[in-house]
Amino acid sequence: MKVRLLILVILACVAAGGWILFTTYDNRFPFGRMWETPGIRAHEEPVHAYMATDRIPWEGGEAEYRYVPGESLVSPVSADDPEVVEQGRVLYGTYCMQCHGRHHNGRGAVGQSFAPLPGDLRSERVQSLDDGVIFQEISYGIPGGRQPALASTIAVEDRWLIIAFIQSLDTM
């Protein structure tokens, strides 16, 4: 009887010790975890409706942005407007945080599986890019890089808002 009780106590101690080690490691893990990512909550917000269902566009659209040099594109929104930056922050949480992380350093829950890791959005390289170059990288991807093309996922206006938020990271 004492042997069985001793074995049970030892097993309980081993299990508790393993649990403590696992949770300590998990809480100090340098990347985000899938269950911590606040951006993936499709069931909580309605899907964006970007275009009226009874209309076909005749002008504008992606062609105006895709085939011009990125340096010539100018953002229609001001990165100095706090309301614009806040809208961009919300959109970043929806579309970008999974890869670039909550600290904008490329260590998001999904991005941790990429090699190389997604770029640090606070870096000098990103902060020195023109609005239009960032817009094209978000929209059409980075050749040879891990940035996917998001032109069919994120509306044009929302991409500009996200860029305003990214540019505000330099001042944060």
Protein backbone atom coordinates (compact mmCIF):
# COMPACT_ATOMS: atom_id res chain seq x y z
CA MET A 1 0.00 0.00 0.00
CA LYS A 2 2.79 2.42 0.92
CA VAL A 3 4.63 1.61 -2.31
CA ARG A 4 1.58 2.44 -4.43
CA LEU A 5 1.03 5.66 -2.54
CA LEU A 6 4.69 6.56 -2.96
CA ILE A 7 4.50 5.85 -6.72
CA LEU A 8 1.38 8.03 -7.03
CA VAL A 9 3.05 10.87 -5.12
CA ILE A 10 6.16 10.62 -7.31
CA LEU A 11 4.04 10.59 -10.50
CA ALA A 12 2.07 13.60 -9.27
CA CYS A 13 5.30 15.48 -8.50
CA VAL A 14 6.75 14.63 -11.91
CA ALA A 15 3.53 15.73 -13.64
CA ALA A 16 3.38 18.98 -11.64
CA GLY A 17 7.07 19.66 -12.32
CA GLY A 18 6.59 19.00 -16.03
CA TRP A 19 3.59 21.31 -16.12
CA ILE A 20 5.54 24.08 -14.35
CA LEU A 21 8.50 23.71 -16.73
CA PHE A 22 6.24 23.69 -19.79
CA THR A 23 4.25 26.76 -18.78
CA THR A 24 7.40 28.65 -17.77
CA TYR A 25 8.98 27.91 -21.15
CA ASP A 26 5.75 28.71 -22.97
CA ASN A 27 5.29 32.06 -21.21
CA ARG A 28 8.87 33.07 -22.01
CA PHE A 29 8.75 31.88 -25.63
CA PRO A 30 9.94 34.79 -27.80
CA PHE A 31 7.21 34.36 -30.42
CA GLY A 32 3.46 34.75 -30.19
CA ARG A 33 1.19 31.77 -29.84
CA MET A 34 -1.80 30.95 -32.02
CA TRP A 35 -4.21 31.23 -29.09
CA GLU A 36 -2.83 34.69 -28.19
CA THR A 37 -3.28 36.29 -31.60
CA PRO A 38 -6.13 38.79 -31.30
CA GLY A 39 -6.28 39.46 -35.06
CA ILE A 40 -7.92 36.13 -35.96
CA ARG A 41 -11.49 36.43 -34.85
CA ALA A 42 -13.56 36.07 -37.96
CA HIS A 43 -16.64 35.08 -35.98
CA GLU A 44 -16.65 38.39 -34.08
CA GLU A 45 -16.64 40.95 -36.87
CA PRO A 46 -18.57 41.11 -40.13
CA VAL A 47 -16.65 40.58 -43.35
CA HIS A 48 -15.84 43.85 -45.09
CA ALA A 49 -17.94 44.64 -48.16
CA TYR A 50 -15.57 46.46 -50.50
CA MET A 51 -17.68 46.80 -53.61
CA ALA A 52 -21.36 47.18 -54.28
CA THR A 53 -22.75 43.93 -55.68
CA ASP A 54 -24.72 45.64 -58.46
CA ARG A 55 -21.79 47.55 -60.04
CA ILE A 56 -18.85 46.80 -62.29
CA PRO A 57 -15.91 49.21 -61.98
CA TRP A 58 -14.81 50.95 -65.18
CA GLU A 59 -11.92 52.95 -63.85
CA GLY A 60 -9.47 52.93 -60.96
CA GLY A 61 -8.63 49.66 -59.32
CA GLU A 62 -5.35 47.84 -58.96
CA ALA A 63 -3.91 48.60 -62.40
CA GLU A 64 -3.35 52.22 -61.38
CA TYR A 65 -1.14 51.08 -58.50
CA ARG A 66 0.54 47.97 -59.85
CA TYR A 67 2.29 49.25 -62.95
CA VAL A 68 3.71 52.57 -61.79
CA PRO A 69 6.96 53.06 -59.86
CA GLY A 70 6.26 52.88 -56.14
CA GLU A 71 8.15 56.11 -55.54
CA SER A 72 5.53 58.00 -57.55
CA LEU A 73 2.58 56.81 -55.44
CA VAL A 74 1.49 59.22 -52.73
CA SER A 75 -0.66 58.26 -49.78
CA PRO A 76 -4.09 59.91 -49.76
CA VAL A 77 -4.13 59.83 -45.93
CA SER A 78 -1.98 61.70 -43.42
CA ALA A 79 0.22 59.69 -41.06
CA ASP A 80 0.06 62.70 -38.70
CA ASP A 81 -3.68 62.31 -38.07
CA PRO A 82 -4.22 60.28 -34.85
CA GLU A 83 -7.60 59.01 -36.09
CA VAL A 84 -6.02 57.67 -39.29
CA VAL A 85 -3.23 56.00 -37.31
CA GLU A 86 -5.78 54.39 -34.96
CA GLN A 87 -7.76 53.02 -37.91
CA GLY A 88 -4.50 51.65 -39.32
CA ARG A 89 -3.66 50.06 -35.96
CA VAL A 90 -6.99 48.21 -35.94
CA LEU A 91 -6.45 47.02 -39.52
CA TYR A 92 -2.88 45.96 -38.65
CA GLY A 93 -4.37 43.77 -35.92
CA THR A 94 -6.71 42.19 -38.45
CA TYR A 95 -4.36 41.61 -41.36
CA CYS A 96 -0.72 41.92 -40.29
CA MET A 97 -0.25 40.98 -36.65
CA GLN A 98 -0.34 37.24 -37.28
CA CYS A 99 3.02 37.45 -39.08
CA HIS A 100 4.64 40.70 -37.91
CA GLY A 101 3.61 40.29 -34.26
CA ARG A 102 2.12 42.48 -31.61
CA HIS A 103 5.46 44.28 -31.20
CA HIS A 104 5.88 44.74 -35.00
CA ASN A 105 9.17 42.82 -34.92
CA GLY A 106 8.33 39.92 -37.25
CA ARG A 107 7.71 37.46 -34.44
CA GLY A 108 4.00 36.84 -34.82
CA ALA A 109 2.32 33.50 -34.21
CA VAL A 110 2.25 32.61 -37.91
CA GLY A 111 5.44 34.43 -38.86
CA GLN A 112 7.55 32.36 -36.46
CA SER A 113 7.38 29.48 -38.93
CA PHE A 114 8.87 31.55 -41.78
CA ALA A 115 12.52 31.46 -42.75
CA PRO A 116 13.59 34.21 -42.84
CA LEU A 117 11.30 35.81 -40.26
CA PRO A 118 9.00 38.61 -41.45
CA GLY A 119 10.61 42.05 -41.38
CA ASP A 120 10.75 44.29 -38.34
CA LEU A 121 8.40 47.14 -39.25
CA ARG A 122 10.26 49.53 -36.92
CA SER A 123 13.56 48.95 -38.73
CA GLU A 124 15.39 51.73 -40.54
CA ARG A 125 14.91 49.91 -43.86
CA VAL A 126 11.11 49.87 -43.57
CA GLN A 127 10.80 53.34 -42.03
CA SER A 128 12.89 54.88 -44.82
CA LEU A 129 10.74 53.47 -47.63
CA ASP A 130 8.37 55.72 -49.59
CA ASP A 131 4.62 55.31 -49.01
CA GLY A 132 4.13 53.89 -52.50
CA VAL A 133 6.92 51.32 -52.15
CA ILE A 134 5.39 50.01 -48.91
CA PHE A 135 1.99 50.02 -50.61
CA GLN A 136 3.32 47.88 -53.48
CA GLU A 137 5.13 45.48 -51.12
CA ILE A 138 1.93 44.95 -49.13
CA SER A 139 -0.21 44.73 -52.25
CA TYR A 140 1.90 42.59 -54.58
CA GLY A 141 4.40 40.91 -52.26
CA ILE A 142 8.16 41.14 -52.14
CA PRO A 143 9.95 39.22 -54.89
CA GLY A 144 12.11 36.56 -53.25
CA GLY A 145 10.64 37.45 -49.85
CA ARG A 146 7.95 36.04 -47.61
CA GLN A 147 5.48 38.95 -47.85
CA PRO A 148 2.39 37.58 -49.61
CA ALA A 149 0.44 39.64 -52.11
CA LEU A 150 -2.53 41.07 -50.21
CA ALA A 151 -4.16 43.16 -52.95
CA SER A 152 -7.11 40.78 -53.14
CA THR A 153 -7.41 40.60 -49.35
CA ILE A 154 -7.13 44.21 -48.16
CA ALA A 155 -9.00 47.14 -49.72
CA VAL A 156 -6.90 49.93 -51.25
CA GLU A 157 -8.01 52.49 -48.64
CA ASP A 158 -7.25 50.09 -45.81
CA ARG A 159 -3.72 49.47 -47.14
CA TRP A 160 -3.02 53.21 -46.98
CA LEU A 161 -4.32 53.31 -43.39
CA ILE A 162 -2.04 50.40 -42.43
CA ILE A 163 0.91 52.25 -43.99
CA ALA A 164 0.10 55.35 -41.91
CA PHE A 165 0.18 53.15 -38.79
CA ILE A 166 3.48 51.53 -39.83
CA GLN A 167 5.03 54.95 -40.37
CA SER A 168 3.84 56.05 -36.92
CA LEU A 169 5.88 53.23 -35.32
CA ASP A 170 8.98 55.35 -35.86
CA THR A 171 7.62 57.91 -33.41
CA MET A 172 6.34 55.42 -30.82
